[in-house]
Amino acid sequence: MTDKVSAVRALFQGGRYLSSRALIQIRVELVQELIGPLADQRILDLGCGDGSLSLQYAVNNEITLVDISSTMLDSARRNIPRDRLEHVRLENMAVEDFATDVGYDLVLCVGLLAHVRSVESTVKHVASLLRPGGRCIFQITDSDRWMGRALGDYFALRMSIHDRVGYKLNRLGHRELERFASAHGLRQLQERRTWSILPGMRVLPEATLLRYLRTTSKSDTLQRFAPEALLLFGQSEDTDQTRQTTGV
């Protein structure tokens, strides 16, 4: 197997992820639901793609965009409002290599955990990047649900036969993510779910796909099976108290 970082870079350098506009838009909307309005915040978008998730908050906030793919960052750069260019920082690197001396109020980690070298190390890294009282969003295809497991099998087969990208996607369930998060001082606050774009559906118009995703994100019945999850975490009370006591 090739070096995973190089393989991930090669996969996203082609920019194929950006062709799924319906998937990007539903994630934008679910982030809005989880976070609400923001002002005077420092936002970090790890694996930012074209920046749609975080640049919706470009007004009145400071944003850092990090992506391993220069293609993705070029797309994000074009999406920055002209009057906010000096308030947006772009970093072309693997998320594991990103470091800062100043913490963030919000860290987005969407479309990323399936591709990192270590899920637990990435969760730990995200937790370390938060300011006291900070929040983060992780996105997973939930392997604790049967549809998530089925999709994991499908994408593993597709990548090995068709894409030949040189690595396997990480599979992750909700319970395991909660365990990793708890071990690093994070507790879940909220979640939003939707169904995935299923095999064969990409022939449909993007507007139709978006209606489907919105419908599945609003249906209480479908939510019981929805595998795509955006999970909002905040620092636990123990973490907040430790920081106040130690001054960290």
Protein backbone atom coordinates (compact mmCIF):
# COMPACT_ATOMS: atom_id res chain seq x y z
CA MET A 1 0.00 0.00 0.00
CA THR A 2 1.28 3.46 -0.85
CA ASP A 3 1.82 6.09 1.83
CA LYS A 4 -1.69 7.00 2.94
CA VAL A 5 -1.14 10.76 2.97
CA SER A 6 0.07 10.66 -0.63
CA ALA A 7 -2.84 8.44 -1.64
CA VAL A 8 -5.41 10.74 0.00
CA ARG A 9 -3.82 13.75 -1.69
CA ALA A 10 -4.00 12.02 -5.07
CA LEU A 11 -7.67 11.13 -4.57
CA PHE A 12 -8.79 14.66 -3.72
CA GLN A 13 -6.44 16.44 -6.08
CA GLY A 14 -8.83 15.50 -8.88
CA GLY A 15 -11.59 17.55 -7.27
CA ARG A 16 -14.25 14.88 -7.79
CA TYR A 17 -15.79 15.56 -4.37
CA LEU A 18 -16.83 19.01 -5.57
CA SER A 19 -19.10 17.51 -8.23
CA SER A 20 -21.56 16.38 -5.55
CA ARG A 21 -23.23 19.73 -4.99
CA ALA A 22 -26.29 18.24 -3.28
CA LEU A 23 -24.12 16.51 -0.68
CA ILE A 24 -22.16 19.69 -0.01
CA GLN A 25 -25.34 21.77 0.28
CA ILE A 26 -27.06 19.43 2.75
CA ARG A 27 -23.94 19.49 4.91
CA VAL A 28 -23.95 23.29 4.79
CA GLU A 29 -27.57 23.29 6.00
CA LEU A 30 -27.00 20.73 8.74
CA VAL A 31 -24.00 22.69 10.04
CA GLN A 32 -26.25 25.77 10.15
CA GLU A 33 -28.81 23.83 12.20
CA LEU A 34 -26.21 22.59 14.65
CA ILE A 35 -24.29 25.85 15.09
CA GLY A 36 -26.72 28.68 14.41
CA PRO A 37 -25.39 32.22 13.84
CA LEU A 38 -21.79 33.08 14.74
CA ALA A 39 -19.92 36.33 15.28
CA ASP A 40 -16.40 37.18 16.46
CA GLN A 41 -15.38 33.52 16.43
CA ARG A 42 -12.27 31.70 15.27
CA ILE A 43 -13.26 28.83 12.95
CA LEU A 44 -11.04 26.01 11.72
CA ASP A 45 -12.20 23.90 8.76
CA LEU A 46 -10.13 20.70 8.48
CA GLY A 47 -10.37 18.99 5.10
CA CYS A 48 -12.21 22.09 3.94
CA GLY A 49 -12.90 21.16 0.32
CA ASP A 50 -14.24 24.27 -1.40
CA GLY A 51 -14.85 25.95 1.96
CA SER A 52 -18.64 25.97 1.69
CA LEU A 53 -19.21 24.76 5.27
CA SER A 54 -17.12 27.44 6.97
CA LEU A 55 -17.26 30.32 4.47
CA GLN A 56 -20.98 30.65 5.11
CA TYR A 57 -19.67 32.28 8.33
CA ALA A 58 -17.09 34.48 6.60
CA VAL A 59 -18.77 37.71 7.74
CA ASN A 60 -17.67 38.74 11.25
CA ASN A 61 -15.49 35.66 11.88
CA GLU A 62 -11.87 34.60 11.38
CA ILE A 63 -11.51 31.39 9.38
CA THR A 64 -8.64 28.97 8.75
CA LEU A 65 -9.03 26.51 5.86
CA VAL A 66 -6.85 23.40 5.82
CA ASP A 67 -6.76 20.81 3.04
CA ILE A 68 -4.25 18.30 1.76
CA SER A 69 -5.33 19.05 -1.83
CA SER A 70 -4.20 22.25 -3.57
CA THR A 71 -7.12 21.76 -5.98
CA MET A 72 -9.57 22.00 -3.11
CA LEU A 73 -7.85 25.06 -1.66
CA ASP A 74 -7.90 26.79 -5.05
CA SER A 75 -11.66 26.26 -5.14
CA ALA A 76 -12.00 27.55 -1.59
CA ARG A 77 -9.90 30.62 -2.39
CA ARG A 78 -12.29 31.54 -5.23
CA ASN A 79 -15.23 31.31 -2.80
CA ILE A 80 -13.84 33.77 -0.23
CA PRO A 81 -15.78 37.05 -0.30
CA ARG A 82 -13.49 39.74 -1.66
CA ASP A 83 -13.93 41.95 1.40
CA ARG A 84 -12.98 39.07 3.74
CA LEU A 85 -9.73 37.91 2.12
CA GLU A 86 -7.58 39.18 4.99
CA HIS A 87 -9.73 37.29 7.50
CA VAL A 88 -9.31 33.86 5.87
CA ARG A 89 -6.09 31.84 6.13
CA LEU A 90 -5.38 28.87 3.85
CA GLU A 91 -3.04 25.99 4.69
CA ASN A 92 -2.14 23.23 2.21
CA MET A 93 -1.17 20.28 4.40
CA ALA A 94 -2.39 17.09 6.03
CA VAL A 95 -4.65 17.91 8.95
CA GLU A 96 -2.42 15.92 11.30
CA ASP A 97 0.41 18.36 10.54
CA PHE A 98 -1.58 21.52 11.30
CA ALA A 99 -0.48 23.27 14.50
CA THR A 100 -1.29 26.61 16.07
CA ASP A 101 -0.57 28.56 19.25
CA VAL A 102 -4.09 30.00 19.34
CA GLY A 103 -7.20 27.88 19.91
CA TYR A 104 -10.43 27.87 17.93
CA ASP A 105 -14.04 28.37 18.97
CA LEU A 106 -15.29 25.94 16.31
CA VAL A 107 -13.52 23.15 14.46
CA LEU A 108 -15.23 21.44 11.50
CA CYS A 109 -14.15 17.91 10.64
CA VAL A 110 -16.56 16.91 7.86
CA GLY A 111 -15.80 14.36 5.14
CA LEU A 112 -12.43 13.72 6.78
CA LEU A 113 -12.36 10.89 9.34
CA ALA A 114 -12.74 8.20 6.67
CA HIS A 115 -9.41 9.28 5.18
CA VAL A 116 -7.08 10.06 8.11
CA ARG A 117 -4.21 7.85 9.27
CA SER A 118 -5.73 7.42 12.75
CA VAL A 119 -9.26 8.38 13.77
CA GLU A 120 -8.48 8.49 17.48
CA SER A 121 -5.36 10.61 16.94
CA THR A 122 -7.37 13.01 14.79
CA VAL A 123 -10.09 13.34 17.45
CA LYS A 124 -7.38 14.02 20.02
CA HIS A 125 -5.81 16.61 17.73
CA VAL A 126 -9.14 18.36 17.17
CA ALA A 127 -9.78 18.47 20.93
CA SER A 128 -6.35 20.06 21.47
CA LEU A 129 -7.15 22.82 18.94
CA LEU A 130 -10.24 24.05 20.81
CA ARG A 131 -10.37 27.09 23.05
CA PRO A 132 -12.04 26.67 26.46
CA GLY A 133 -15.75 26.31 25.71
CA GLY A 134 -15.05 25.47 22.07
CA ARG A 135 -17.11 23.14 19.92
CA CYS A 136 -16.41 20.78 17.04
CA ILE A 137 -18.38 18.86 14.43
CA PHE A 138 -17.43 15.39 13.25
CA GLN A 139 -19.12 13.71 10.28
CA ILE A 140 -19.31 9.93 9.91
CA THR A 141 -21.04 7.27 7.89
CA ASP A 142 -22.27 5.40 10.94
CA SER A 143 -21.21 1.75 10.82
CA ASP A 144 -23.35 1.09 13.91
CA ARG A 145 -26.36 1.24 11.55
CA TRP A 146 -26.97 -1.45 8.95
CA MET A 147 -27.09 1.03 6.07
CA GLY A 148 -23.76 2.49 7.15
CA ARG A 149 -22.21 -0.99 7.19
CA ALA A 150 -23.66 -1.79 3.76
CA LEU A 151 -22.31 1.44 2.30
CA GLY A 152 -18.93 0.75 3.87
CA ASP A 153 -18.83 -2.62 2.08
CA TYR A 154 -19.85 -1.02 -1.21
CA PHE A 155 -17.29 1.79 -1.09
CA ALA A 156 -14.52 -0.61 -0.04
CA LEU A 157 -15.28 -2.75 -3.09
CA ARG A 158 -15.53 0.27 -5.38
CA MET A 159 -12.24 1.74 -4.21
CA SER A 160 -10.40 -1.56 -4.60
CA ILE A 161 -11.72 -2.32 -8.08
CA HIS A 162 -12.53 1.00 -9.71
CA ASP A 163 -10.75 3.86 -7.95
CA ARG A 164 -7.55 1.99 -7.00
CA VAL A 165 -6.54 4.77 -4.60
CA GLY A 166 -4.15 2.64 -2.55
CA TYR A 167 -5.84 2.75 0.88
CA LYS A 168 -8.96 1.63 2.70
CA LEU A 169 -11.53 4.02 4.09
CA ASN A 170 -11.75 4.09 7.88
CA ARG A 171 -15.02 2.68 9.15
CA LEU A 172 -16.44 4.31 12.24
CA GLY A 173 -19.53 3.89 14.35
CA HIS A 174 -21.22 6.43 16.60
CA ARG A 175 -20.35 4.53 19.77
CA GLU A 176 -16.66 4.32 18.91
CA LEU A 177 -16.50 8.02 18.05
CA GLU A 178 -18.15 8.89 21.37
CA ARG A 179 -15.58 6.74 23.15
CA PHE A 180 -12.68 8.50 21.42
CA ALA A 181 -14.22 11.90 22.09
CA SER A 182 -14.87 11.19 25.77
CA ALA A 183 -11.27 10.01 26.23
CA HIS A 184 -10.11 13.44 25.06
CA GLY A 185 -12.49 15.63 27.04
CA LEU A 186 -15.38 15.97 24.60
CA ARG A 187 -19.07 15.22 25.03
CA GLN A 188 -21.78 15.09 22.39
CA LEU A 189 -24.25 17.96 22.39
CA GLN A 190 -26.42 17.42 19.31
CA GLU A 191 -26.62 15.50 16.06
CA ARG A 192 -28.21 15.82 12.63
CA ARG A 193 -28.62 12.89 10.25
CA THR A 194 -29.51 12.24 6.64
CA TRP A 195 -29.45 9.31 4.26
CA SER A 196 -26.57 8.80 1.88
CA ILE A 197 -26.63 9.21 -1.89
CA LEU A 198 -27.04 5.53 -2.72
CA PRO A 199 -25.32 3.63 -5.54
CA GLY A 200 -26.93 4.44 -8.86
CA MET A 201 -28.54 7.70 -7.67
CA ARG A 202 -25.86 10.02 -9.06
CA VAL A 203 -27.51 9.86 -12.49
CA LEU A 204 -30.32 11.99 -11.00
CA PRO A 205 -30.27 15.81 -11.22
CA GLU A 206 -28.58 17.55 -8.29
CA ALA A 207 -31.87 19.31 -7.42
CA THR A 208 -33.59 15.92 -7.06
CA LEU A 209 -30.77 14.57 -4.91
CA LEU A 210 -30.95 17.61 -2.64
CA ARG A 211 -34.71 17.19 -2.17
CA TYR A 212 -34.12 13.55 -1.25
CA LEU A 213 -31.41 14.45 1.28
CA ARG A 214 -33.52 17.20 2.82
CA THR A 215 -36.52 14.86 3.10
CA THR A 216 -34.50 12.17 4.85
CA SER A 217 -33.01 14.72 7.24
CA LYS A 218 -36.48 15.88 8.33
CA SER A 219 -38.31 12.54 8.63
CA ASP A 220 -38.46 11.06 12.13
CA THR A 221 -39.13 7.63 10.65
CA LEU A 222 -36.17 7.70 8.25
CA GLN A 223 -33.89 9.10 10.93
CA ARG A 224 -33.90 5.71 12.66
CA PHE A 225 -31.94 4.29 9.74
CA ALA A 226 -30.06 7.35 8.45
CA PRO A 227 -26.32 6.53 8.31
CA GLU A 228 -24.86 9.97 7.56
CA ALA A 229 -24.34 11.84 10.83
CA LEU A 230 -23.00 15.28 11.73
CA LEU A 231 -22.25 15.24 15.44
CA LEU A 232 -21.66 18.35 17.53
CA PHE A 233 -19.31 17.99 20.48
CA GLY A 234 -18.25 20.40 23.20
CA GLN A 235 -15.73 20.22 25.97
CA SER A 236 -16.92 18.29 28.99
CA GLU A 237 -17.38 20.03 32.33
CA ASP A 238 -14.35 18.15 33.67
CA THR A 239 -12.22 19.56 30.87
CA ASP A 240 -13.47 23.11 31.48
CA GLN A 241 -12.81 22.80 35.21
CA THR A 242 -9.32 21.41 34.63
CA ARG A 243 -8.43 24.30 32.35
CA GLN A 244 -9.76 26.84 34.81
CA THR A 245 -7.74 25.26 37.63
CA THR A 246 -4.48 24.80 35.73
CA GLY A 247 -4.76 27.85 33.50
CA VAL A 248 -4.28 25.69 30.38
